[in-house]
């Protein structure tokens, strides 16, 4: 019983110190001040495990259809390229240099399967500038983006340019149809 009381007292002291640190501004939320290695590990592990668990029950449709990939290319070009880059394009350091954590370059293979990518694109990631595109786009569109993101690391600059050549018109046309209630999913 004495050990239990000591443990409870120790936990109360730790909680009080933690709250004092928190309310005293001990956590630096500035994007230009990187996390310490243990904090970065904790956040990265929490994010990775959260995504894995939530994506585990997602059924992945076939993603190798060239039409899905082309449609995903149009969406990616309009919505994702600014943060996640494209083959042959350099990062805009004025913009990306201020983001922490920095968005992954999707021109390189990522450590996520299709279900995890879908979950990320649909729900976004807190405190990372990754928006929840599921609030404004249907699942079919999000799967197209995933199909394209899986293909992206294999593309060179010319192939990317060919796939995204008419992206602005395609993207604008799809969303104009959405605005008029044409939801032929």
Foldseek 3Di string as FASTA:
>chain_A
DVVVVVVVVVVVVVVVVVVCCVVVVVDDLALVDDDDPVVVVVVVVVVVVVLCVVLVPDDADDLQDPVLLLLLLLVCVPPPCQQQNAAPDDHPCVPQVRFPPRDHNLLADDPDDLSSQLCCQQPPDPRGPGHRCVVPDPSSSSSSNSSNSVCNNVDHPVRSCVSNVCSVVSVVVVVVCVVVVNPPD
